[in-house]
């Protein structure tokens, strides 16, 4: 795969299977460069964080499953992955289906579904299973620099050199906002997509916390 050719040794290798190679091609086909780069960096950061915590691929977690969970985690932001749900859930269904199409077990596909669906859910994702936790940590380190101190500095620098950032945060916000503009049902109250949408659409029609608290309570 061209995106993975001649990687610097600081980044290290990646699990070469039919599913992972197809996932790189699939993500590259359907994602803009800024999104592809983010998904790829997230895998290397997730694995580096695992190493920092003395976790070994193949022993403590399945590297192929982690790779698919991270590289496919934002497929719900693309035309190929989006549906009627918030983008994380649409992406989870598409990523899990992709995994099954390439022969992964139901257990692995379920882990991928969880990791993708929960990747914007701090306080939840780290407690589901190790693949979901590492994916969440790697993705969060890349987007918001949460826990980035656990990523080996050589991995961090090399990944940014090969897969540049390209205004990731603003691009994600723009895409989330566009999707909700097109399909309001993709909004979810008190969520990551809600926060993003309120920032970019301050006059939006959706109820906020104050309105939800003030709403009438159904009689018991």
N, C-alpha and C. Protein backbone atom coordinates (compact mmCIF):
# COMPACT_ATOMS: atom_id res chain seq x y z
N UNK A 1 0.85 -1.17 0.00
CA UNK A 1 0.00 0.00 0.00
C UNK A 1 0.90 1.23 0.00
N UNK A 2 0.63 2.18 -0.88
CA UNK A 2 1.52 3.32 -1.03
C UNK A 2 1.62 4.15 0.24
N UNK A 3 0.51 4.26 0.98
CA UNK A 3 0.55 5.08 2.19
C UNK A 3 1.46 4.48 3.25
N UNK A 4 1.74 3.19 3.16
CA UNK A 4 2.57 2.53 4.15
C UNK A 4 3.93 2.11 3.61
N UNK A 5 4.29 2.57 2.43
CA UNK A 5 5.59 2.20 1.88
C UNK A 5 6.70 3.04 2.51
N UNK A 6 7.81 2.38 2.80
CA UNK A 6 9.02 3.06 3.29
C UNK A 6 8.76 3.87 4.55
N UNK A 7 8.07 3.26 5.51
CA UNK A 7 7.86 3.93 6.78
C UNK A 7 9.18 4.04 7.55
N UNK A 8 9.40 5.13 8.26
CA UNK A 8 10.63 5.25 9.05
C UNK A 8 10.65 4.21 10.16
N UNK A 9 11.83 3.78 10.52
CA UNK A 9 11.95 2.71 11.52
C UNK A 9 11.41 3.14 12.88
N UNK A 10 11.35 4.44 13.15
CA UNK A 10 10.82 4.90 14.43
C UNK A 10 9.35 4.51 14.61
N UNK A 11 8.62 4.47 13.49
CA UNK A 11 7.21 4.09 13.57
C UNK A 11 7.07 2.60 13.79
N UNK A 12 7.89 1.82 13.12
CA UNK A 12 7.80 0.37 13.24
C UNK A 12 6.87 -0.23 12.21
N UNK A 13 6.65 -1.50 12.32
CA UNK A 13 5.83 -2.22 11.35
C UNK A 13 4.35 -2.14 11.68
N UNK A 14 3.58 -2.90 10.95
CA UNK A 14 2.14 -2.99 11.17
C UNK A 14 1.70 -4.38 10.76
N UNK A 15 0.58 -4.86 11.25
CA UNK A 15 0.15 -6.24 10.97
C UNK A 15 -0.27 -6.40 9.51
N UNK A 16 0.48 -7.17 8.75
CA UNK A 16 0.20 -7.34 7.33
C UNK A 16 -0.71 -8.54 7.12
N UNK A 17 -1.99 -8.29 6.99
CA UNK A 17 -2.97 -9.33 6.69
C UNK A 17 -3.83 -8.84 5.53
N UNK A 18 -4.62 -9.74 4.98
CA UNK A 18 -5.52 -9.33 3.90
C UNK A 18 -6.48 -8.24 4.37
N UNK A 19 -6.95 -8.38 5.61
CA UNK A 19 -7.91 -7.41 6.14
C UNK A 19 -7.27 -6.05 6.36
N UNK A 20 -6.06 -6.01 6.92
CA UNK A 20 -5.44 -4.71 7.19
C UNK A 20 -5.03 -4.00 5.91
N UNK A 21 -4.52 -4.74 4.94
CA UNK A 21 -4.15 -4.10 3.68
C UNK A 21 -5.39 -3.58 2.96
N UNK A 22 -6.48 -4.35 3.03
CA UNK A 22 -7.72 -3.89 2.41
C UNK A 22 -8.27 -2.67 3.15
N UNK A 23 -8.10 -2.63 4.46
CA UNK A 23 -8.60 -1.50 5.25
C UNK A 23 -7.88 -0.21 4.89
N UNK A 24 -6.57 -0.29 4.68
CA UNK A 24 -5.81 0.90 4.26
C UNK A 24 -6.33 1.39 2.92
N UNK A 25 -6.49 0.48 1.97
CA UNK A 25 -6.97 0.86 0.64
C UNK A 25 -8.39 1.43 0.73
N UNK A 26 -9.22 0.81 1.52
CA UNK A 26 -10.62 1.23 1.68
C UNK A 26 -10.69 2.64 2.29
N UNK A 27 -9.93 2.87 3.35
CA UNK A 27 -9.93 4.17 4.01
C UNK A 27 -9.35 5.24 3.09
N UNK A 28 -8.28 4.89 2.39
CA UNK A 28 -7.67 5.85 1.47
C UNK A 28 -8.61 6.20 0.32
N UNK A 29 -9.39 5.23 -0.14
CA UNK A 29 -10.31 5.48 -1.25
C UNK A 29 -11.43 6.44 -0.86
N UNK A 30 -11.91 6.32 0.38
CA UNK A 30 -13.12 7.05 0.76
C UNK A 30 -12.86 8.27 1.65
N UNK A 31 -11.62 8.49 2.07
CA UNK A 31 -11.33 9.56 3.02
C UNK A 31 -10.46 10.63 2.38
N UNK A 32 -10.68 11.90 2.74
CA UNK A 32 -9.71 12.94 2.37
C UNK A 32 -8.39 12.68 3.09
N UNK A 33 -7.33 13.29 2.61
CA UNK A 33 -6.01 13.01 3.16
C UNK A 33 -5.92 13.32 4.65
N UNK A 34 -6.53 14.42 5.08
CA UNK A 34 -6.44 14.78 6.49
C UNK A 34 -7.06 13.71 7.38
N UNK A 35 -8.12 13.06 6.91
CA UNK A 35 -8.79 12.04 7.71
C UNK A 35 -8.02 10.72 7.67
N UNK A 36 -7.53 10.35 6.50
CA UNK A 36 -6.70 9.15 6.39
C UNK A 36 -5.49 9.27 7.31
N UNK A 37 -4.80 10.40 7.26
CA UNK A 37 -3.60 10.57 8.08
C UNK A 37 -3.93 10.44 9.56
N UNK A 38 -5.03 11.00 9.99
CA UNK A 38 -5.44 10.90 11.39
C UNK A 38 -5.68 9.45 11.80
N UNK A 39 -6.39 8.71 10.96
CA UNK A 39 -6.69 7.31 11.29
C UNK A 39 -5.42 6.48 11.38
N UNK A 40 -4.48 6.72 10.49
CA UNK A 40 -3.23 5.97 10.50
C UNK A 40 -2.38 6.35 11.72
N UNK A 41 -2.25 7.63 11.99
CA UNK A 41 -1.48 8.06 13.16
C UNK A 41 -2.06 7.46 14.43
N UNK A 42 -3.39 7.40 14.49
CA UNK A 42 -4.05 6.90 15.69
C UNK A 42 -3.62 5.47 16.01
N UNK A 43 -3.42 4.65 14.99
CA UNK A 43 -2.95 3.28 15.23
C UNK A 43 -1.57 3.28 15.85
N UNK A 44 -0.64 4.03 15.27
CA UNK A 44 0.72 4.03 15.79
C UNK A 44 0.78 4.61 17.20
N UNK A 45 -0.05 5.60 17.49
CA UNK A 45 -0.08 6.15 18.84
C UNK A 45 -0.69 5.16 19.82
N UNK A 46 -1.76 4.48 19.39
CA UNK A 46 -2.39 3.48 20.26
C UNK A 46 -1.40 2.37 20.62
N UNK A 47 -0.68 1.90 19.63
CA UNK A 47 0.29 0.83 19.88
C UNK A 47 1.42 1.32 20.78
N UNK A 48 1.88 2.56 20.56
CA UNK A 48 2.95 3.11 21.38
C UNK A 48 2.50 3.27 22.83
N UNK A 49 1.26 3.70 23.03
CA UNK A 49 0.73 3.81 24.39
C UNK A 49 0.65 2.44 25.04
N UNK A 50 0.25 1.43 24.26
CA UNK A 50 0.24 0.08 24.79
C UNK A 50 1.63 -0.36 25.23
N UNK A 51 2.62 -0.06 24.42
CA UNK A 51 4.00 -0.41 24.78
C UNK A 51 4.43 0.30 26.06
N UNK A 52 4.06 1.57 26.18
CA UNK A 52 4.40 2.33 27.39
C UNK A 52 3.76 1.73 28.63
N UNK A 53 2.67 1.01 28.45
CA UNK A 53 1.97 0.38 29.57
C UNK A 53 2.34 -1.10 29.69
N UNK A 54 3.42 -1.49 29.02
CA UNK A 54 3.92 -2.87 29.07
C UNK A 54 2.91 -3.88 28.52
N UNK A 55 2.16 -3.47 27.52
CA UNK A 55 1.22 -4.36 26.85
C UNK A 55 1.81 -4.80 25.52
N UNK A 56 1.71 -6.07 25.23
CA UNK A 56 2.33 -6.62 24.03
C UNK A 56 1.27 -7.08 23.04
N UNK A 57 1.42 -6.66 21.78
CA UNK A 57 0.55 -7.14 20.72
C UNK A 57 0.71 -8.64 20.57
N UNK A 58 -0.39 -9.34 20.41
CA UNK A 58 -0.36 -10.79 20.26
C UNK A 58 -0.46 -11.53 21.57
N UNK A 59 -0.17 -10.83 22.66
CA UNK A 59 -0.28 -11.42 23.99
C UNK A 59 -1.42 -10.78 24.77
N UNK A 60 -1.38 -9.46 24.86
CA UNK A 60 -2.40 -8.74 25.62
C UNK A 60 -3.57 -8.28 24.76
N UNK A 61 -3.34 -8.08 23.49
CA UNK A 61 -4.41 -7.67 22.57
C UNK A 61 -4.05 -8.14 21.17
N UNK A 62 -5.07 -8.19 20.30
CA UNK A 62 -4.85 -8.62 18.93
C UNK A 62 -4.53 -7.39 18.07
N UNK A 63 -3.35 -7.39 17.45
CA UNK A 63 -2.88 -6.21 16.72
C UNK A 63 -3.72 -5.96 15.47
N UNK A 64 -4.15 -7.00 14.79
CA UNK A 64 -4.99 -6.83 13.61
C UNK A 64 -6.31 -6.15 13.97
N UNK A 65 -6.90 -6.56 15.09
CA UNK A 65 -8.16 -5.96 15.53
C UNK A 65 -7.97 -4.49 15.89
N UNK A 66 -6.88 -4.18 16.60
CA UNK A 66 -6.60 -2.79 16.94
C UNK A 66 -6.37 -1.96 15.69
N UNK A 67 -5.65 -2.52 14.73
CA UNK A 67 -5.38 -1.80 13.49
C UNK A 67 -6.68 -1.45 12.77
N UNK A 68 -7.57 -2.42 12.63
CA UNK A 68 -8.83 -2.17 11.93
C UNK A 68 -9.68 -1.17 12.70
N UNK A 69 -9.70 -1.27 14.02
CA UNK A 69 -10.50 -0.35 14.83
C UNK A 69 -10.04 1.09 14.66
N UNK A 70 -8.73 1.30 14.61
CA UNK A 70 -8.22 2.67 14.50
C UNK A 70 -8.29 3.18 13.06
N UNK A 71 -7.86 2.38 12.11
CA UNK A 71 -7.81 2.85 10.73
C UNK A 71 -9.22 3.07 10.16
N UNK A 72 -10.20 2.35 10.67
CA UNK A 72 -11.58 2.51 10.19
C UNK A 72 -12.45 3.36 11.12
N UNK A 73 -11.89 3.93 12.16
CA UNK A 73 -12.75 4.51 13.20
C UNK A 73 -13.54 5.72 12.75
N UNK A 74 -13.11 6.42 11.72
CA UNK A 74 -13.85 7.60 11.26
C UNK A 74 -14.52 7.38 9.90
N UNK A 75 -14.75 6.14 9.54
CA UNK A 75 -15.39 5.88 8.25
C UNK A 75 -16.82 6.44 8.23
N UNK A 76 -17.41 6.64 9.41
CA UNK A 76 -18.73 7.24 9.49
C UNK A 76 -18.76 8.70 9.10
N UNK A 77 -17.60 9.34 8.98
CA UNK A 77 -17.53 10.72 8.50
C UNK A 77 -17.48 10.80 6.98
N UNK A 78 -17.43 9.66 6.31
CA UNK A 78 -17.33 9.63 4.85
C UNK A 78 -18.67 9.23 4.23
N UNK A 79 -18.80 9.48 2.94
CA UNK A 79 -20.03 9.08 2.24
C UNK A 79 -20.21 7.56 2.28
N UNK A 80 -19.12 6.83 2.27
CA UNK A 80 -19.19 5.38 2.29
C UNK A 80 -19.75 4.86 3.60
N UNK A 81 -19.47 5.53 4.69
CA UNK A 81 -19.83 4.99 6.00
C UNK A 81 -21.04 5.62 6.65
N UNK A 82 -21.48 6.77 6.18
CA UNK A 82 -22.53 7.45 6.93
C UNK A 82 -23.90 6.86 6.65
N UNK A 83 -24.76 6.96 7.66
CA UNK A 83 -26.14 6.49 7.59
C UNK A 83 -27.02 7.40 8.41
N UNK A 84 -28.01 6.86 9.09
CA UNK A 84 -28.97 7.70 9.82
C UNK A 84 -28.58 8.01 11.26
N UNK A 85 -27.47 7.46 11.73
CA UNK A 85 -27.09 7.60 13.13
C UNK A 85 -25.95 8.60 13.30
N UNK A 86 -25.62 8.94 14.54
CA UNK A 86 -24.44 9.76 14.77
C UNK A 86 -23.24 9.05 14.15
N UNK A 87 -22.23 9.82 13.74
CA UNK A 87 -21.20 9.25 12.87
C UNK A 87 -20.44 8.11 13.51
N UNK A 88 -20.27 8.15 14.83
CA UNK A 88 -19.53 7.08 15.49
C UNK A 88 -20.25 5.73 15.34
N UNK A 89 -21.57 5.75 15.43
CA UNK A 89 -22.35 4.51 15.34
C UNK A 89 -22.43 4.02 13.90
N UNK A 90 -22.65 4.95 12.97
CA UNK A 90 -22.61 4.55 11.56
C UNK A 90 -21.26 3.93 11.22
N UNK A 91 -20.18 4.54 11.69
CA UNK A 91 -18.85 4.02 11.44
C UNK A 91 -18.65 2.65 12.07
N UNK A 92 -19.21 2.46 13.26
CA UNK A 92 -19.08 1.18 13.95
C UNK A 92 -19.71 0.05 13.15
N UNK A 93 -20.91 0.30 12.63
CA UNK A 93 -21.57 -0.73 11.83
C UNK A 93 -20.78 -1.03 10.55
N UNK A 94 -20.27 0.01 9.91
CA UNK A 94 -19.53 -0.22 8.66
C UNK A 94 -18.21 -0.92 8.94
N UNK A 95 -17.51 -0.53 9.98
CA UNK A 95 -16.22 -1.15 10.29
C UNK A 95 -16.39 -2.61 10.70
N UNK A 96 -17.40 -2.90 11.49
CA UNK A 96 -17.63 -4.28 11.90
C UNK A 96 -18.02 -5.15 10.70
N UNK A 97 -18.83 -4.59 9.81
CA UNK A 97 -19.19 -5.35 8.60
C UNK A 97 -17.96 -5.61 7.74
N UNK A 98 -17.10 -4.60 7.63
CA UNK A 98 -15.86 -4.77 6.88
C UNK A 98 -15.03 -5.91 7.48
N UNK A 99 -14.91 -5.93 8.79
CA UNK A 99 -14.11 -6.97 9.45
C UNK A 99 -14.67 -8.36 9.16
N UNK A 100 -15.97 -8.51 9.22
CA UNK A 100 -16.58 -9.81 8.95
C UNK A 100 -16.39 -10.21 7.49
N UNK A 101 -16.46 -9.22 6.60
CA UNK A 101 -16.26 -9.51 5.17
C UNK A 101 -14.87 -10.07 4.91
N UNK A 102 -13.91 -9.72 5.75
CA UNK A 102 -12.54 -10.20 5.57
C UNK A 102 -12.19 -11.33 6.54
N UNK A 103 -13.20 -11.99 7.07
CA UNK A 103 -12.99 -13.23 7.79
C UNK A 103 -12.66 -13.12 9.26
N UNK A 104 -12.75 -11.92 9.84
CA UNK A 104 -12.50 -11.83 11.27
C UNK A 104 -13.67 -12.45 12.03
N UNK A 105 -13.41 -12.90 13.22
CA UNK A 105 -14.43 -13.56 14.03
C UNK A 105 -15.48 -12.55 14.48
N UNK A 106 -16.62 -13.07 14.91
CA UNK A 106 -17.65 -12.21 15.45
C UNK A 106 -17.14 -11.46 16.68
N UNK A 107 -16.33 -12.14 17.50
CA UNK A 107 -15.79 -11.49 18.70
C UNK A 107 -14.91 -10.30 18.33
N UNK A 108 -14.06 -10.46 17.32
CA UNK A 108 -13.21 -9.36 16.88
C UNK A 108 -14.05 -8.24 16.28
N UNK A 109 -15.04 -8.60 15.46
CA UNK A 109 -15.91 -7.58 14.86
C UNK A 109 -16.67 -6.81 15.93
N UNK A 110 -17.08 -7.50 16.98
CA UNK A 110 -17.78 -6.83 18.08
C UNK A 110 -16.85 -5.87 18.82
N UNK A 111 -15.59 -6.26 18.99
CA UNK A 111 -14.63 -5.35 19.62
C UNK A 111 -14.41 -4.11 18.76
N UNK A 112 -14.36 -4.31 17.45
CA UNK A 112 -14.20 -3.17 16.54
C UNK A 112 -15.42 -2.27 16.61
N UNK A 113 -16.62 -2.85 16.65
CA UNK A 113 -17.83 -2.05 16.77
C UNK A 113 -17.75 -1.18 18.03
N UNK A 114 -17.42 -1.81 19.15
CA UNK A 114 -17.33 -1.07 20.41
C UNK A 114 -16.30 0.06 20.32
N UNK A 115 -15.12 -0.25 19.80
CA UNK A 115 -14.04 0.73 19.75
C UNK A 115 -14.42 1.94 18.90
N UNK A 116 -15.05 1.69 17.76
CA UNK A 116 -15.43 2.79 16.87
C UNK A 116 -16.59 3.59 17.47
N UNK A 117 -17.60 2.90 17.97
CA UNK A 117 -18.77 3.59 18.52
C UNK A 117 -18.42 4.44 19.73
N UNK A 118 -17.44 4.00 20.51
CA UNK A 118 -17.11 4.67 21.78
C UNK A 118 -15.88 5.55 21.70
N UNK A 119 -15.35 5.76 20.51
CA UNK A 119 -14.04 6.44 20.46
C UNK A 119 -14.11 7.90 20.89
N UNK A 120 -15.29 8.51 20.92
CA UNK A 120 -15.42 9.88 21.42
C UNK A 120 -15.98 9.89 22.85
N UNK A 121 -15.92 8.77 23.55
CA UNK A 121 -16.55 8.64 24.87
C UNK A 121 -15.53 8.41 25.98
N UNK A 122 -14.85 9.47 26.41
CA UNK A 122 -13.92 9.31 27.54
C UNK A 122 -14.69 8.88 28.79
N UNK A 123 -14.05 8.05 29.59
CA UNK A 123 -14.71 7.56 30.78
C UNK A 123 -15.52 6.31 30.56
N UNK A 124 -15.76 5.95 29.29
CA UNK A 124 -16.48 4.72 28.95
C UNK A 124 -15.58 3.79 28.16
N UNK A 125 -15.04 4.29 27.05
CA UNK A 125 -14.21 3.45 26.17
C UNK A 125 -13.07 2.74 26.90
N UNK A 126 -12.38 3.38 27.85
CA UNK A 126 -11.25 2.69 28.48
C UNK A 126 -11.64 1.48 29.31
N UNK A 127 -12.94 1.30 29.59
CA UNK A 127 -13.35 0.23 30.49
C UNK A 127 -14.08 -0.92 29.79
N UNK A 128 -14.22 -0.83 28.46
CA UNK A 128 -14.96 -1.87 27.74
C UNK A 128 -14.08 -3.09 27.51
N UNK A 129 -12.97 -2.92 26.80
CA UNK A 129 -11.97 -3.95 26.56
C UNK A 129 -10.70 -3.26 26.10
N UNK A 130 -9.60 -4.01 26.03
CA UNK A 130 -8.30 -3.39 25.78
C UNK A 130 -8.20 -2.79 24.39
N UNK A 131 -8.76 -3.45 23.38
CA UNK A 131 -8.72 -2.88 22.03
C UNK A 131 -9.44 -1.53 22.02
N UNK A 132 -10.61 -1.47 22.62
CA UNK A 132 -11.34 -0.21 22.68
C UNK A 132 -10.60 0.85 23.45
N UNK A 133 -9.97 0.46 24.54
CA UNK A 133 -9.22 1.41 25.35
C UNK A 133 -8.03 1.97 24.58
N UNK A 134 -7.23 1.11 23.97
CA UNK A 134 -6.06 1.58 23.24
C UNK A 134 -6.46 2.43 22.04
N UNK A 135 -7.50 2.01 21.33
CA UNK A 135 -7.97 2.82 20.19
C UNK A 135 -8.37 4.21 20.67
N UNK A 136 -9.13 4.27 21.74
CA UNK A 136 -9.56 5.56 22.30
C UNK A 136 -8.36 6.41 22.70
N UNK A 137 -7.39 5.80 23.36
CA UNK A 137 -6.21 6.56 23.80
C UNK A 137 -5.43 7.10 22.59
N UNK A 138 -5.24 6.27 21.57
CA UNK A 138 -4.49 6.70 20.41
C UNK A 138 -5.21 7.80 19.65
N UNK A 139 -6.52 7.66 19.48
CA UNK A 139 -7.31 8.66 18.77
C UNK A 139 -7.32 9.97 19.54
N UNK A 140 -7.53 9.89 20.85
CA UNK A 140 -7.58 11.10 21.67
C UNK A 140 -6.23 11.81 21.72
N UNK A 141 -5.16 11.04 21.74
CA UNK A 141 -3.82 11.64 21.73
C UNK A 141 -3.60 12.41 20.44
N UNK A 142 -4.14 11.89 19.34
CA UNK A 142 -3.92 12.55 18.05
C UNK A 142 -4.78 13.79 17.89
N UNK A 143 -6.05 13.72 18.29
CA UNK A 143 -6.96 14.85 18.06
C UNK A 143 -6.73 15.96 19.08
N UNK A 144 -6.70 15.59 20.36
CA UNK A 144 -6.67 16.60 21.42
C UNK A 144 -5.39 16.60 22.25
N UNK A 145 -4.45 15.72 21.92
CA UNK A 145 -3.22 15.56 22.69
C UNK A 145 -3.49 15.07 24.10
N UNK A 146 -4.65 14.44 24.34
CA UNK A 146 -4.92 13.83 25.64
C UNK A 146 -4.00 12.62 25.81
N UNK A 147 -3.20 12.60 26.86
CA UNK A 147 -2.32 11.47 27.11
C UNK A 147 -1.19 11.33 26.12
N UNK A 148 -0.90 12.38 25.34
CA UNK A 148 0.12 12.26 24.30
C UNK A 148 1.50 12.03 24.89
N UNK A 149 1.67 12.35 26.17
CA UNK A 149 2.97 12.12 26.82
C UNK A 149 3.31 10.63 26.90
N UNK A 150 2.31 9.76 26.71
CA UNK A 150 2.58 8.33 26.72
C UNK A 150 3.07 7.82 25.37
N UNK A 151 2.93 8.63 24.34
CA UNK A 151 3.40 8.22 23.01
C UNK A 151 4.89 8.51 22.92
N UNK A 152 5.64 7.50 22.49
CA UNK A 152 7.08 7.68 22.33
C UNK A 152 7.35 8.87 21.41
N UNK A 153 8.26 9.75 21.83
CA UNK A 153 8.48 10.98 21.08
C UNK A 153 8.97 10.71 19.66
N UNK A 154 9.75 9.67 19.48
CA UNK A 154 10.23 9.34 18.14
C UNK A 154 9.07 8.90 17.24
N UNK A 155 8.13 8.15 17.81
CA UNK A 155 6.94 7.73 17.06
C UNK A 155 6.11 8.95 16.69
N UNK A 156 5.93 9.84 17.66
CA UNK A 156 5.13 11.05 17.45
C UNK A 156 5.69 11.89 16.30
N UNK A 157 7.00 12.15 16.37
CA UNK A 157 7.62 13.01 15.36
C UNK A 157 7.61 12.36 13.98
N UNK A 158 7.91 11.07 13.93
CA UNK A 158 7.97 10.38 12.64
C UNK A 158 6.58 10.28 12.01
N UNK A 159 5.57 10.00 12.83
CA UNK A 159 4.22 9.88 12.30
C UNK A 159 3.72 11.21 11.74
N UNK A 160 4.03 12.30 12.43
CA UNK A 160 3.60 13.61 11.94
C UNK A 160 4.36 14.00 10.67
N UNK A 161 5.59 13.55 10.55
CA UNK A 161 6.36 13.87 9.34
C UNK A 161 5.81 13.13 8.13
N UNK A 162 5.44 11.87 8.32
CA UNK A 162 4.97 11.05 7.19
C UNK A 162 3.48 11.29 6.91
N UNK A 163 2.69 11.49 7.98
CA UNK A 163 1.25 11.67 7.86
C UNK A 163 0.87 13.01 8.50
N UNK A 164 1.05 14.12 7.79
CA UNK A 164 0.88 15.44 8.39
C UNK A 164 -0.53 15.71 8.90
N UNK A 165 -0.62 16.64 9.84
CA UNK A 165 -1.86 16.92 10.58
C UNK A 165 -2.95 17.55 9.71
N UNK A 166 -2.61 18.50 8.88
CA UNK A 166 -3.52 19.09 7.90
C UNK A 166 -4.81 19.65 8.52
N UNK A 167 -4.66 20.42 9.60
CA UNK A 167 -5.79 21.11 10.23
C UNK A 167 -6.90 20.14 10.62
N UNK A 168 -6.52 19.05 11.24
CA UNK A 168 -7.45 17.97 11.56
C UNK A 168 -8.66 18.45 12.37
N UNK A 169 -8.42 19.17 13.45
CA UNK A 169 -9.53 19.53 14.34
C UNK A 169 -10.61 20.31 13.60
N UNK A 170 -10.21 21.33 12.87
CA UNK A 170 -11.21 22.13 12.16
C UNK A 170 -11.91 21.33 11.08
N UNK A 171 -11.17 20.45 10.42
CA UNK A 171 -11.78 19.63 9.37
C UNK A 171 -12.81 18.66 9.93
N UNK A 172 -12.51 18.04 11.07
CA UNK A 172 -13.48 17.15 11.70
C UNK A 172 -14.73 17.92 12.11
N UNK A 173 -14.53 19.07 12.74
CA UNK A 173 -15.68 19.87 13.16
C UNK A 173 -16.55 20.26 11.97
N UNK A 174 -15.91 20.64 10.87
CA UNK A 174 -16.66 21.03 9.68
C UNK A 174 -17.47 19.85 9.14
N UNK A 175 -16.87 18.67 9.12
CA UNK A 175 -17.56 17.51 8.57
C UNK A 175 -18.72 17.07 9.47
N UNK A 176 -18.51 17.07 10.78
CA UNK A 176 -19.60 16.72 11.70
C UNK A 176 -20.75 17.70 11.53
N UNK A 177 -20.45 18.99 11.46
CA UNK A 177 -21.48 20.01 11.31
C UNK A 177 -22.23 19.83 9.99
N UNK A 178 -21.51 19.56 8.93
CA UNK A 178 -22.14 19.36 7.62
C UNK A 178 -23.09 18.16 7.66
N UNK A 179 -22.67 17.08 8.28
CA UNK A 179 -23.53 15.90 8.33
C UNK A 179 -24.83 16.18 9.07
N UNK A 180 -24.74 16.92 10.19
CA UNK A 180 -25.96 17.21 10.95
C UNK A 180 -26.83 18.22 10.21
N UNK A 181 -26.21 19.16 9.50
CA UNK A 181 -27.00 20.06 8.65
C UNK A 181 -27.82 19.26 7.65
N UNK A 182 -27.20 18.23 7.07
CA UNK A 182 -27.87 17.42 6.05
C UNK A 182 -28.87 16.44 6.66
N UNK A 183 -28.54 15.89 7.84
CA UNK A 183 -29.40 14.90 8.49
C UNK A 183 -29.48 15.24 9.98
N UNK A 184 -30.44 16.05 10.38
CA UNK A 184 -30.53 16.44 11.79
C UNK A 184 -30.63 15.27 12.77
N UNK A 185 -31.12 14.12 12.33
CA UNK A 185 -31.23 12.97 13.22
C UNK A 185 -29.86 12.44 13.64
N UNK A 186 -28.78 12.90 13.00
CA UNK A 186 -27.45 12.48 13.39
C UNK A 186 -26.96 13.22 14.64
N UNK A 187 -27.69 14.24 15.05
CA UNK A 187 -27.40 14.93 16.31
C UNK A 187 -27.77 14.05 17.48
N UNK A 188 -27.02 14.13 18.57
CA UNK A 188 -27.32 13.39 19.79
C UNK A 188 -27.12 14.33 20.97
N UNK A 189 -28.06 14.42 21.90
CA UNK A 189 -27.95 15.37 23.00
C UNK A 189 -26.77 15.07 23.91
N UNK A 190 -26.12 16.14 24.39
CA UNK A 190 -25.06 16.06 25.39
C UNK A 190 -23.95 15.11 24.96
N UNK A 191 -23.52 15.22 23.72
CA UNK A 191 -22.52 14.32 23.15
C UNK A 191 -21.43 15.13 22.47
N UNK A 192 -20.41 14.43 21.95
CA UNK A 192 -19.37 15.09 21.17
C UNK A 192 -19.96 15.82 19.97
N UNK A 193 -20.87 15.16 19.25
CA UNK A 193 -21.45 15.81 18.07
C UNK A 193 -22.29 17.01 18.47
N UNK A 194 -22.91 16.96 19.62
CA UNK A 194 -23.68 18.10 20.12
C UNK A 194 -22.76 19.28 20.42
N UNK A 195 -21.64 19.02 21.08
CA UNK A 195 -20.69 20.09 21.40
C UNK A 195 -20.18 20.76 20.12
N UNK A 196 -19.80 19.94 19.16
CA UNK A 196 -19.28 20.48 17.90
C UNK A 196 -20.35 21.30 17.20
N UNK A 197 -21.56 20.78 17.14
CA UNK A 197 -22.61 21.47 16.40
C UNK A 197 -22.97 22.80 17.06
N UNK A 198 -23.01 22.83 18.37
CA UNK A 198 -23.34 24.08 19.06
C UNK A 198 -22.28 25.15 18.82
N UNK A 199 -21.03 24.72 18.73
CA UNK A 199 -19.96 25.69 18.48
C UNK A 199 -20.12 26.34 17.11
N UNK A 200 -20.46 25.53 16.11
CA UNK A 200 -20.53 26.03 14.74
C UNK A 200 -21.92 26.51 14.34
N UNK A 201 -22.93 26.08 15.07
CA UNK A 201 -24.30 26.51 14.79
C UNK A 201 -24.93 26.97 16.11
N UNK A 202 -24.49 28.11 16.63
CA UNK A 202 -24.98 28.56 17.95
C UNK A 202 -26.48 28.81 17.99
N UNK A 203 -27.12 29.05 16.84
CA UNK A 203 -28.57 29.27 16.80
C UNK A 203 -29.33 28.00 16.43
N UNK A 204 -28.73 26.85 16.70
CA UNK A 204 -29.36 25.58 16.32
C UNK A 204 -30.66 25.37 17.11
N UNK A 205 -31.55 24.51 16.60
CA UNK A 205 -32.85 24.33 17.24
C UNK A 205 -32.87 23.26 18.34
N UNK A 206 -31.75 22.62 18.60
CA UNK A 206 -31.76 21.49 19.52
C UNK A 206 -31.76 21.95 20.98
N UNK A 207 -32.43 21.21 21.86
CA UNK A 207 -32.44 21.59 23.28
C UNK A 207 -31.08 21.38 23.92
N UNK A 208 -30.69 22.32 24.77
CA UNK A 208 -29.46 22.18 25.54
C UNK A 208 -29.76 21.66 26.92
N UNK A 209 -28.75 21.65 27.79
CA UNK A 209 -28.92 21.11 29.13
C UNK A 209 -29.99 21.88 29.90
N UNK A 210 -29.99 23.21 29.79
CA UNK A 210 -30.97 23.99 30.54
C UNK A 210 -32.39 23.64 30.11
N UNK A 211 -32.59 23.48 28.81
CA UNK A 211 -33.92 23.12 28.32
C UNK A 211 -34.32 21.72 28.75
N UNK A 212 -33.36 20.82 28.74
CA UNK A 212 -33.66 19.44 29.16
C UNK A 212 -34.00 19.37 30.64
N UNK A 213 -33.27 20.14 31.46
CA UNK A 213 -33.55 20.15 32.89
C UNK A 213 -34.91 20.77 33.18
N UNK A 214 -35.27 21.80 32.38
CA UNK A 214 -36.53 22.51 32.60
C UNK A 214 -37.73 21.80 31.99
N UNK A 215 -37.50 20.76 31.23
CA UNK A 215 -38.61 20.07 30.56
C UNK A 215 -39.55 19.44 31.59
N UNK A 216 -40.85 19.40 31.31
CA UNK A 216 -41.80 18.79 32.25
C UNK A 216 -41.46 17.33 32.51
N UNK A 217 -41.64 16.92 33.75
CA UNK A 217 -41.42 15.53 34.14
C UNK A 217 -42.73 14.78 33.99
N UNK A 218 -42.68 13.60 33.37
CA UNK A 218 -43.90 12.81 33.22
C UNK A 218 -44.42 12.38 34.57
N UNK A 219 -45.71 12.36 34.78
CA UNK A 219 -46.24 11.92 36.07
C UNK A 219 -45.96 10.45 36.31
N UNK A 220 -45.72 10.11 37.56
CA UNK A 220 -45.44 8.71 37.90
C UNK A 220 -46.73 7.91 37.96
